[in-house]
Amino acid sequence: EHELLARGRDHEHYREKQLRRQLEKIQTDQLF
């Protein structure tokens, strides 16, 4: 319902995961 607030919460969530090195860096071709 509130796009900006929702995206902000998502961004904070994934930013924390990135800082904890929980996210995986992938190559472009891995998208497919």
PDB file of all heavy atoms in Angstrom:
ATOM      1  N   GLU A   1       0.822  -1.209   0.000  1.00  0.00           N
ATOM      2  CA  GLU A   1       0.000   0.000   0.000  1.00  0.00           C
ATOM      3  C   GLU A   1       0.860   1.265   0.000  1.00  0.00           C
ATOM      4  O   GLU A   1       0.503   2.259  -0.594  1.00  0.00           O
ATOM      5  CB  GLU A   1      -0.919  -0.011   1.223  1.00  0.00           C
ATOM      6  CG  GLU A   1      -1.917  -1.158   1.222  1.00  0.00           C
ATOM      7  CD  GLU A   1      -2.809  -1.121   2.454  1.00  0.00           C
ATOM      8  OE1 GLU A   1      -2.616  -0.197   3.284  1.00  0.00           O
ATOM      9  OE2 GLU A   1      -3.672  -1.994   2.594  1.00  0.00           O
ATOM     10  N   HIS A   2       1.969   1.208   0.681  1.00  0.00           N
ATOM     11  CA  HIS A   2       2.866   2.353   0.754  1.00  0.00           C
ATOM     12  C   HIS A   2       4.217   1.930   0.177  1.00  0.00           C
ATOM     13  O   HIS A   2       5.076   1.423   0.879  1.00  0.00           O
ATOM     14  CB  HIS A   2       3.009   2.834   2.199  1.00  0.00           C
ATOM     15  CG  HIS A   2       1.691   3.184   2.826  1.00  0.00           C
ATOM     16  ND1 HIS A   2       0.987   4.327   2.500  1.00  0.00           N
ATOM     17  CD2 HIS A   2       0.936   2.520   3.735  1.00  0.00           C
ATOM     18  CE1 HIS A   2      -0.132   4.369   3.204  1.00  0.00           C
ATOM     19  NE2 HIS A   2      -0.197   3.286   3.946  1.00  0.00           N
ATOM     20  N   GLU A   3       4.363   2.150  -1.123  1.00  0.00           N
ATOM     21  CA  GLU A   3       5.521   1.650  -1.861  1.00  0.00           C
ATOM     22  C   GLU A   3       6.845   2.098  -1.251  1.00  0.00           C
ATOM     23  O   GLU A   3       7.746   1.293  -1.032  1.00  0.00           O
ATOM     24  CB  GLU A   3       5.427   2.130  -3.322  1.00  0.00           C
ATOM     25  CG  GLU A   3       6.569   1.660  -4.216  1.00  0.00           C
ATOM     26  CD  GLU A   3       6.404   0.226  -4.654  1.00  0.00           C
ATOM     27  OE1 GLU A   3       5.325  -0.338  -4.430  1.00  0.00           O
ATOM     28  OE2 GLU A   3       7.362  -0.334  -5.204  1.00  0.00           O
ATOM     29  N   LEU A   4       6.971   3.373  -0.956  1.00  0.00           N
ATOM     30  CA  LEU A   4       8.243   3.896  -0.469  1.00  0.00           C
ATOM     31  C   LEU A   4       8.609   3.281   0.876  1.00  0.00           C
ATOM     32  O   LEU A   4       9.751   2.869   1.101  1.00  0.00           O
ATOM     33  CB  LEU A   4       8.176   5.421  -0.355  1.00  0.00           C
ATOM     34  CG  LEU A   4       9.485   6.122   0.030  1.00  0.00           C
ATOM     35  CD1 LEU A   4      10.573   5.804  -0.986  1.00  0.00           C
ATOM     36  CD2 LEU A   4       9.277   7.634   0.115  1.00  0.00           C
ATOM     37  N   LEU A   5       7.634   3.211   1.792  1.00  0.00           N
ATOM     38  CA  LEU A   5       7.910   2.640   3.111  1.00  0.00           C
ATOM     39  C   LEU A   5       8.256   1.156   2.995  1.00  0.00           C
ATOM     40  O   LEU A   5       9.157   0.667   3.672  1.00  0.00           O
ATOM     41  CB  LEU A   5       6.699   2.820   4.023  1.00  0.00           C
ATOM     42  CG  LEU A   5       6.387   4.249   4.473  1.00  0.00           C
ATOM     43  CD1 LEU A   5       5.111   4.264   5.300  1.00  0.00           C
ATOM     44  CD2 LEU A   5       7.549   4.818   5.281  1.00  0.00           C
ATOM     45  N   ALA A   6       7.534   0.456   2.138  1.00  0.00           N
ATOM     46  CA  ALA A   6       7.789  -0.971   1.966  1.00  0.00           C
ATOM     47  C   ALA A   6       9.176  -1.218   1.403  1.00  0.00           C
ATOM     48  O   ALA A   6       9.910  -2.095   1.871  1.00  0.00           O
ATOM     49  CB  ALA A   6       6.728  -1.588   1.049  1.00  0.00           C
ATOM     50  N   ARG A   7       9.558  -0.439   0.385  1.00  0.00           N
ATOM     51  CA  ARG A   7      10.878  -0.619  -0.203  1.00  0.00           C
ATOM     52  C   ARG A   7      11.966  -0.236   0.791  1.00  0.00           C
ATOM     53  O   ARG A   7      13.041  -0.829   0.810  1.00  0.00           O
ATOM     54  CB  ARG A   7      11.008   0.229  -1.472  1.00  0.00           C
ATOM     55  CG  ARG A   7      10.063  -0.152  -2.596  1.00  0.00           C
ATOM     56  CD  ARG A   7      10.475  -1.416  -3.346  1.00  0.00           C
ATOM     57  NE  ARG A   7      10.416  -2.630  -2.542  1.00  0.00           N
ATOM     58  CZ  ARG A   7       9.284  -3.240  -2.203  1.00  0.00           C
ATOM     59  NH1 ARG A   7       8.131  -2.772  -2.605  1.00  0.00           N
ATOM     60  NH2 ARG A   7       9.306  -4.332  -1.480  1.00  0.00           N
ATOM     61  N   GLY A   8      11.703   0.776   1.607  1.00  0.00           N
ATOM     62  CA  GLY A   8      12.685   1.165   2.611  1.00  0.00           C
ATOM     63  C   GLY A   8      12.932   0.057   3.623  1.00  0.00           C
ATOM     64  O   GLY A   8      14.074  -0.215   4.003  1.00  0.00           O
ATOM     65  N   ARG A   9      11.861  -0.597   4.053  1.00  0.00           N
ATOM     66  CA  ARG A   9      12.009  -1.712   4.993  1.00  0.00           C
ATOM     67  C   ARG A   9      12.751  -2.877   4.355  1.00  0.00           C
ATOM     68  O   ARG A   9      13.603  -3.506   4.981  1.00  0.00           O
ATOM     69  CB  ARG A   9      10.627  -2.155   5.485  1.00  0.00           C
ATOM     70  CG  ARG A   9       9.971  -1.183   6.468  1.00  0.00           C
ATOM     71  CD  ARG A   9       8.767  -1.821   7.130  1.00  0.00           C
ATOM     72  NE  ARG A   9       7.710  -2.093   6.168  1.00  0.00           N
ATOM     73  CZ  ARG A   9       6.715  -1.240   5.888  1.00  0.00           C
ATOM     74  NH1 ARG A   9       6.665  -0.059   6.495  1.00  0.00           N
ATOM     75  NH2 ARG A   9       5.776  -1.564   5.016  1.00  0.00           N
ATOM     76  N   ASP A  10      12.400  -3.151   3.089  1.00  0.00           N
ATOM     77  CA  ASP A  10      13.102  -4.224   2.385  1.00  0.00           C
ATOM     78  C   ASP A  10      14.584  -3.909   2.265  1.00  0.00           C
ATOM     79  O   ASP A  10      15.445  -4.777   2.455  1.00  0.00           O
ATOM     80  CB  ASP A  10      12.507  -4.415   0.983  1.00  0.00           C
ATOM     81  CG  ASP A  10      11.161  -5.122   1.020  1.00  0.00           C
ATOM     82  OD1 ASP A  10      10.803  -5.646   2.100  1.00  0.00           O
ATOM     83  OD2 ASP A  10      10.476  -5.135  -0.017  1.00  0.00           O
ATOM     84  N   HIS A  11      14.875  -2.656   1.897  1.00  0.00           N
ATOM     85  CA  HIS A  11      16.267  -2.257   1.726  1.00  0.00           C
ATOM     86  C   HIS A  11      17.049  -2.416   3.023  1.00  0.00           C
ATOM     87  O   HIS A  11      18.184  -2.922   3.029  1.00  0.00           O
ATOM     88  CB  HIS A  11      16.341  -0.794   1.254  1.00  0.00           C
ATOM     89  CG  HIS A  11      17.742  -0.305   1.044  1.00  0.00           C
ATOM     90  ND1 HIS A  11      18.486   0.265   2.063  1.00  0.00           N
ATOM     91  CD2 HIS A  11      18.537  -0.315  -0.053  1.00  0.00           C
ATOM     92  CE1 HIS A  11      19.667   0.595   1.595  1.00  0.00           C
ATOM     93  NE2 HIS A  11      19.727   0.257   0.319  1.00  0.00           N
ATOM     94  N   GLU A  12      16.465  -2.018   4.130  1.00  0.00           N
ATOM     95  CA  GLU A  12      17.139  -2.128   5.418  1.00  0.00           C
ATOM     96  C   GLU A  12      17.382  -3.596   5.768  1.00  0.00           C
ATOM     97  O   GLU A  12      18.451  -3.969   6.264  1.00  0.00           O
ATOM     98  CB  GLU A  12      16.296  -1.461   6.510  1.00  0.00           C
ATOM     99  CG  GLU A  12      16.933  -1.469   7.884  1.00  0.00           C
ATOM    100  CD  GLU A  12      18.199  -0.637   7.947  1.00  0.00           C
ATOM    101  OE1 GLU A  12      18.373   0.258   7.087  1.00  0.00           O
ATOM    102  OE2 GLU A  12      19.012  -0.870   8.860  1.00  0.00           O
ATOM    103  N   HIS A  13      16.396  -4.433   5.485  1.00  0.00           N
ATOM    104  CA  HIS A  13      16.508  -5.859   5.780  1.00  0.00           C
ATOM    105  C   HIS A  13      17.668  -6.493   5.011  1.00  0.00           C
ATOM    106  O   HIS A  13      18.517  -7.193   5.592  1.00  0.00           O
ATOM    107  CB  HIS A  13      15.192  -6.556   5.427  1.00  0.00           C
ATOM    108  CG  HIS A  13      15.270  -8.050   5.451  1.00  0.00           C
ATOM    109  ND1 HIS A  13      15.395  -8.775   6.617  1.00  0.00           N
ATOM    110  CD2 HIS A  13      15.243  -8.958   4.432  1.00  0.00           C
ATOM    111  CE1 HIS A  13      15.448 -10.064   6.331  1.00  0.00           C
ATOM    112  NE2 HIS A  13      15.349 -10.205   5.021  1.00  0.00           N
ATOM    113  N   TYR A  14      17.713  -6.229   3.693  1.00  0.00           N
ATOM    114  CA  TYR A  14      18.750  -6.845   2.884  1.00  0.00           C
ATOM    115  C   TYR A  14      20.102  -6.182   3.082  1.00  0.00           C
ATOM    116  O   TYR A  14      21.152  -6.820   2.920  1.00  0.00           O
ATOM    117  CB  TYR A  14      18.346  -6.839   1.408  1.00  0.00           C
ATOM    118  CG  TYR A  14      17.253  -7.829   1.115  1.00  0.00           C
ATOM    119  CD1 TYR A  14      15.952  -7.411   0.895  1.00  0.00           C
ATOM    120  CD2 TYR A  14      17.524  -9.193   1.082  1.00  0.00           C
ATOM    121  CE1 TYR A  14      14.942  -8.327   0.650  1.00  0.00           C
ATOM    122  CE2 TYR A  14      16.520 -10.113   0.839  1.00  0.00           C
ATOM    123  CZ  TYR A  14      15.238  -9.674   0.625  1.00  0.00           C
ATOM    124  OH  TYR A  14      14.238 -10.583   0.387  1.00  0.00           O
ATOM    125  N   ARG A  15      20.095  -4.911   3.457  1.00  0.00           N
ATOM    126  CA  ARG A  15      21.354  -4.241   3.774  1.00  0.00           C
ATOM    127  C   ARG A  15      22.008  -4.885   4.999  1.00  0.00           C
ATOM    128  O   ARG A  15      23.221  -5.108   5.022  1.00  0.00           O
ATOM    129  CB  ARG A  15      21.091  -2.748   4.037  1.00  0.00           C
ATOM    130  CG  ARG A  15      22.326  -1.956   4.476  1.00  0.00           C
ATOM    131  CD  ARG A  15      23.393  -1.961   3.413  1.00  0.00           C
ATOM    132  NE  ARG A  15      24.530  -1.136   3.790  1.00  0.00           N
ATOM    133  CZ  ARG A  15      25.702  -1.149   3.165  1.00  0.00           C
ATOM    134  NH1 ARG A  15      25.884  -1.963   2.129  1.00  0.00           N
ATOM    135  NH2 ARG A  15      26.680  -0.374   3.557  1.00  0.00           N
ATOM    136  N   GLU A  16      21.207  -5.204   6.003  1.00  0.00           N
ATOM    137  CA  GLU A  16      21.732  -5.878   7.191  1.00  0.00           C
ATOM    138  C   GLU A  16      22.287  -7.256   6.835  1.00  0.00           C
ATOM    139  O   GLU A  16      23.337  -7.667   7.337  1.00  0.00           O
ATOM    140  CB  GLU A  16      20.638  -5.999   8.244  1.00  0.00           C
ATOM    141  CG  GLU A  16      20.247  -4.668   8.881  1.00  0.00           C
ATOM    142  CD  GLU A  16      19.117  -4.823   9.883  1.00  0.00           C
ATOM    143  OE1 GLU A  16      18.640  -5.983  10.055  1.00  0.00           O
ATOM    144  OE2 GLU A  16      18.718  -3.814  10.486  1.00  0.00           O
ATOM    145  N   LYS A  17      21.592  -7.971   5.954  1.00  0.00           N
ATOM    146  CA  LYS A  17      22.074  -9.283   5.543  1.00  0.00           C
ATOM    147  C   LYS A  17      23.382  -9.170   4.767  1.00  0.00           C
ATOM    148  O   LYS A  17      24.278 -10.002   4.902  1.00  0.00           O
ATOM    149  CB  LYS A  17      21.023  -9.992   4.685  1.00  0.00           C
ATOM    150  CG  LYS A  17      19.730 -10.315   5.422  1.00  0.00           C
ATOM    151  CD  LYS A  17      18.802 -11.179   4.595  1.00  0.00           C
ATOM    152  CE  LYS A  17      19.340 -12.583   4.445  1.00  0.00           C
ATOM    153  NZ  LYS A  17      18.346 -13.490   3.818  1.00  0.00           N
ATOM    154  N   GLN A  18      23.484  -8.098   3.950  1.00  0.00           N
ATOM    155  CA  GLN A  18      24.712  -7.891   3.185  1.00  0.00           C
ATOM    156  C   GLN A  18      25.887  -7.600   4.110  1.00  0.00           C
ATOM    157  O   GLN A  18      26.992  -8.121   3.913  1.00  0.00           O
ATOM    158  CB  GLN A  18      24.525  -6.743   2.199  1.00  0.00           C
ATOM    159  CG  GLN A  18      25.742  -6.513   1.299  1.00  0.00           C
ATOM    160  CD  GLN A  18      25.507  -5.366   0.335  1.00  0.00           C
ATOM    161  OE1 GLN A  18      24.887  -4.381   0.681  1.00  0.00           O
ATOM    162  NE2 GLN A  18      26.007  -5.500  -0.878  1.00  0.00           N
ATOM    163  N   LEU A  19      25.660  -6.778   5.135  1.00  0.00           N
ATOM    164  CA  LEU A  19      26.720  -6.462   6.080  1.00  0.00           C
ATOM    165  C   LEU A  19      27.170  -7.705   6.837  1.00  0.00           C
ATOM    166  O   LEU A  19      28.337  -7.797   7.235  1.00  0.00           O
ATOM    167  CB  LEU A  19      26.243  -5.380   7.060  1.00  0.00           C
ATOM    168  CG  LEU A  19      26.022  -3.985   6.455  1.00  0.00           C
ATOM    169  CD1 LEU A  19      25.414  -3.049   7.483  1.00  0.00           C
ATOM    170  CD2 LEU A  19      27.342  -3.414   5.931  1.00  0.00           C
ATOM    171  N   ARG A  20      26.255  -8.624   7.057  1.00  0.00           N
ATOM    172  CA  ARG A  20      26.601  -9.880   7.736  1.00  0.00           C
ATOM    173  C   ARG A  20      27.120 -10.921   6.748  1.00  0.00           C
ATOM    174  O   ARG A  20      27.330 -12.078   7.128  1.00  0.00           O
ATOM    175  CB  ARG A  20      25.380 -10.436   8.470  1.00  0.00           C
ATOM    176  CG  ARG A  20      24.916  -9.567   9.635  1.00  0.00           C
ATOM    177  CD  ARG A  20      23.954 -10.336  10.541  1.00  0.00           C
ATOM    178  NE  ARG A  20      22.734 -10.716   9.852  1.00  0.00           N
ATOM    179  CZ  ARG A  20      21.613  -9.984   9.856  1.00  0.00           C
ATOM    180  NH1 ARG A  20      21.579  -8.829  10.508  1.00  0.00           N
ATOM    181  NH2 ARG A  20      20.542 -10.396   9.209  1.00  0.00           N
ATOM    182  N   ARG A  21      27.308 -10.507   5.490  1.00  0.00           N
ATOM    183  CA  ARG A  21      27.851 -11.372   4.430  1.00  0.00           C
ATOM    184  C   ARG A  21      26.978 -12.606   4.215  1.00  0.00           C
ATOM    185  O   ARG A  21      27.465 -13.687   3.875  1.00  0.00           O
ATOM    186  CB  ARG A  21      29.292 -11.783   4.738  1.00  0.00           C
ATOM    187  CG  ARG A  21      30.228 -10.614   4.933  1.00  0.00           C
ATOM    188  CD  ARG A  21      31.640 -11.080   5.199  1.00  0.00           C
ATOM    189  NE  ARG A  21      32.235 -11.661   4.003  1.00  0.00           N
ATOM    190  CZ  ARG A  21      32.808 -10.973   3.013  1.00  0.00           C
ATOM    191  NH1 ARG A  21      32.852  -9.656   3.076  1.00  0.00           N
ATOM    192  NH2 ARG A  21      33.327 -11.576   1.967  1.00  0.00           N
ATOM    193  N   GLN A  22      25.672 -12.439   4.380  1.00  0.00           N
ATOM    194  CA  GLN A  22      24.746 -13.542   4.158  1.00  0.00           C
ATOM    195  C   GLN A  22      24.261 -13.613   2.716  1.00  0.00           C
ATOM    196  O   GLN A  22      23.689 -14.630   2.302  1.00  0.00           O
ATOM    197  CB  GLN A  22      23.541 -13.417   5.101  1.00  0.00           C
ATOM    198  CG  GLN A  22      23.898 -13.567   6.569  1.00  0.00           C
ATOM    199  CD  GLN A  22      22.715 -13.362   7.481  1.00  0.00           C
ATOM    200  OE1 GLN A  22      21.634 -12.977   7.028  1.00  0.00           O
ATOM    201  NE2 GLN A  22      22.900 -13.607   8.762  1.00  0.00           N
ATOM    202  N   LEU A  23      24.449 -12.533   1.961  1.00  0.00           N
ATOM    203  CA  LEU A  23      24.016 -12.527   0.567  1.00  0.00           C
ATOM    204  C   LEU A  23      25.139 -13.048  -0.322  1.00  0.00           C
ATOM    205  O   LEU A  23      26.317 -12.899  -0.024  1.00  0.00           O
ATOM    206  CB  LEU A  23      23.626 -11.111   0.135  1.00  0.00           C
ATOM    207  CG  LEU A  23      22.498 -10.454   0.930  1.00  0.00           C
ATOM    208  CD1 LEU A  23      22.181  -9.087   0.357  1.00  0.00           C
ATOM    209  CD2 LEU A  23      21.250 -11.328   0.931  1.00  0.00           C
ATOM    210  N   GLU A  24      24.757 -13.644  -1.419  1.00  0.00           N
ATOM    211  CA  GLU A  24      25.721 -14.246  -2.327  1.00  0.00           C
ATOM    212  C   GLU A  24      25.884 -13.396  -3.571  1.00  0.00           C
ATOM    213  O   GLU A  24      24.902 -13.020  -4.209  1.00  0.00           O
ATOM    214  CB  GLU A  24      25.256 -15.655  -2.729  1.00  0.00           C
ATOM    215  CG  GLU A  24      26.191 -16.363  -3.681  1.00  0.00           C
ATOM    216  CD  GLU A  24      25.675 -17.736  -4.076  1.00  0.00           C
ATOM    217  OE1 GLU A  24      24.641 -18.166  -3.520  1.00  0.00           O
ATOM    218  OE2 GLU A  24      26.291 -18.371  -4.932  1.00  0.00           O
ATOM    219  N   LYS A  25      27.121 -13.061  -3.913  1.00  0.00           N
ATOM    220  CA  LYS A  25      27.377 -12.350  -5.166  1.00  0.00           C
ATOM    221  C   LYS A  25      27.325 -13.360  -6.309  1.00  0.00           C
ATOM    222  O   LYS A  25      27.915 -14.419  -6.251  1.00  0.00           O
ATOM    223  CB  LYS A  25      28.752 -11.679  -5.139  1.00  0.00           C
ATOM    224  CG  LYS A  25      28.828 -10.473  -4.236  1.00  0.00           C
ATOM    225  CD  LYS A  25      30.146  -9.737  -4.420  1.00  0.00           C
ATOM    226  CE  LYS A  25      30.188  -8.461  -3.593  1.00  0.00           C
ATOM    227  NZ  LYS A  25      31.440  -7.705  -3.810  1.00  0.00           N
ATOM    228  N   ILE A  26      26.578 -12.996  -7.352  1.00  0.00           N
ATOM    229  CA  ILE A  26      26.422 -13.903  -8.473  1.00  0.00           C
ATOM    230  C   ILE A  26      26.871 -13.234  -9.768  1.00  0.00           C
ATOM    231  O   ILE A  26      26.882 -12.013  -9.885  1.00  0.00           O
ATOM    232  CB  ILE A  26      24.963 -14.380  -8.622  1.00  0.00           C
ATOM    233  CG1 ILE A  26      24.049 -13.202  -8.983  1.00  0.00           C
ATOM    234  CG2 ILE A  26      24.485 -15.081  -7.364  1.00  0.00           C
ATOM    235  CD1 ILE A  26      22.634 -13.626  -9.303  1.00  0.00           C
ATOM    236  N   GLN A  27      27.244 -14.057 -10.725  1.00  0.00           N
ATOM    237  CA  GLN A  27      27.569 -13.577 -12.056  1.00  0.00           C
ATOM    238  C   GLN A  27      26.273 -13.330 -12.820  1.00  0.00           C
ATOM    239  O   GLN A  27      25.237 -13.934 -12.522  1.00  0.00           O
ATOM    240  CB  GLN A  27      28.428 -14.610 -12.796  1.00  0.00           C
ATOM    241  CG  GLN A  27      29.743 -14.922 -12.115  1.00  0.00           C
ATOM    242  CD  GLN A  27      30.652 -13.706 -12.048  1.00  0.00           C
ATOM    243  OE1 GLN A  27      30.774 -12.949 -13.011  1.00  0.00           O
ATOM    244  NE2 GLN A  27      31.294 -13.513 -10.900  1.00  0.00           N
ATOM    245  N   THR A  28      26.345 -12.451 -13.817  1.00  0.00           N
ATOM    246  CA  THR A  28      25.144 -12.094 -14.562  1.00  0.00           C
ATOM    247  C   THR A  28      24.470 -13.311 -15.175  1.00  0.00           C
ATOM    248  O   THR A  28      23.243 -13.436 -15.157  1.00  0.00           O
ATOM    249  CB  THR A  28      25.493 -11.085 -15.672  1.00  0.00           C
ATOM    250  OG1 THR A  28      26.171  -9.978 -15.094  1.00  0.00           O
ATOM    251  CG2 THR A  28      24.232 -10.598 -16.362  1.00  0.00           C
ATOM    252  N   ASP A  29      25.271 -14.248 -15.715  1.00  0.00           N
ATOM    253  CA  ASP A  29      24.651 -15.388 -16.383  1.00  0.00           C
ATOM    254  C   ASP A  29      23.931 -16.312 -15.410  1.00  0.00           C
ATOM    255  O   ASP A  29      23.093 -17.117 -15.813  1.00  0.00           O
ATOM    256  CB  ASP A  29      25.673 -16.172 -17.204  1.00  0.00           C
ATOM    257  CG  ASP A  29      26.848 -16.661 -16.368  1.00  0.00           C
ATOM    258  OD1 ASP A  29      27.023 -16.152 -15.250  1.00  0.00           O
ATOM    259  OD2 ASP A  29      27.582 -17.540 -16.845  1.00  0.00           O
ATOM    260  N   GLN A  30      24.218 -16.189 -14.096  1.00  0.00           N
ATOM    261  CA  GLN A  30      23.511 -17.011 -13.125  1.00  0.00           C
ATOM    262  C   GLN A  30      22.045 -16.611 -13.001  1.00  0.00           C
ATOM    263  O   GLN A  30      21.223 -17.401 -12.531  1.00  0.00           O
ATOM    264  CB  GLN A  30      24.179 -16.913 -11.750  1.00  0.00           C
ATOM    265  CG  GLN A  30      25.477 -17.690 -11.638  1.00  0.00           C
ATOM    266  CD  GLN A  30      26.081 -17.580 -10.262  1.00  0.00           C
ATOM    267  OE1 GLN A  30      27.074 -16.914 -10.046  1.00  0.00           O
ATOM    268  NE2 GLN A  30      25.457 -18.233  -9.298  1.00  0.00           N
ATOM    269  N   LEU A  31      21.704 -15.403 -13.412  1.00  0.00           N
ATOM    270  CA  LEU A  31      20.302 -14.983 -13.392  1.00  0.00           C
ATOM    271  C   LEU A  31      19.456 -15.893 -14.265  1.00  0.00           C
ATOM    272  O   LEU A  31      18.264 -16.072 -14.027  1.00  0.00           O
ATOM    273  CB  LEU A  31      20.172 -13.540 -13.900  1.00  0.00           C
ATOM    274  CG  LEU A  31      20.713 -12.432 -12.998  1.00  0.00           C
ATOM    275  CD1 LEU A  31      20.679 -11.112 -13.740  1.00  0.00           C
ATOM    276  CD2 LEU A  31      19.922 -12.339 -11.716  1.00  0.00           C
ATOM    277  N   PHE A  32      20.067 -16.486 -15.278  1.00  0.00           N
ATOM    278  CA  PHE A  32      19.330 -17.302 -16.235  1.00  0.00           C
ATOM    279  C   PHE A  32      19.565 -18.789 -16.037  1.00  0.00           C
ATOM    280  O   PHE A  32      19.220 -19.595 -16.876  1.00  0.00           O
ATOM    281  CB  PHE A  32      19.724 -16.895 -17.660  1.00  0.00           C
ATOM    282  CG  PHE A  32      19.475 -15.446 -17.938  1.00  0.00           C
ATOM    283  CD1 PHE A  32      20.494 -14.514 -17.797  1.00  0.00           C
ATOM    284  CD2 PHE A  32      18.212 -14.997 -18.289  1.00  0.00           C
ATOM    285  CE1 PHE A  32      20.257 -13.173 -18.022  1.00  0.00           C
ATOM    286  CE2 PHE A  32      17.972 -13.662 -18.518  1.00  0.00           C
ATOM    287  CZ  PHE A  32      18.995 -12.738 -18.384  1.00  0.00           C
TER     288      PHE A  32
END
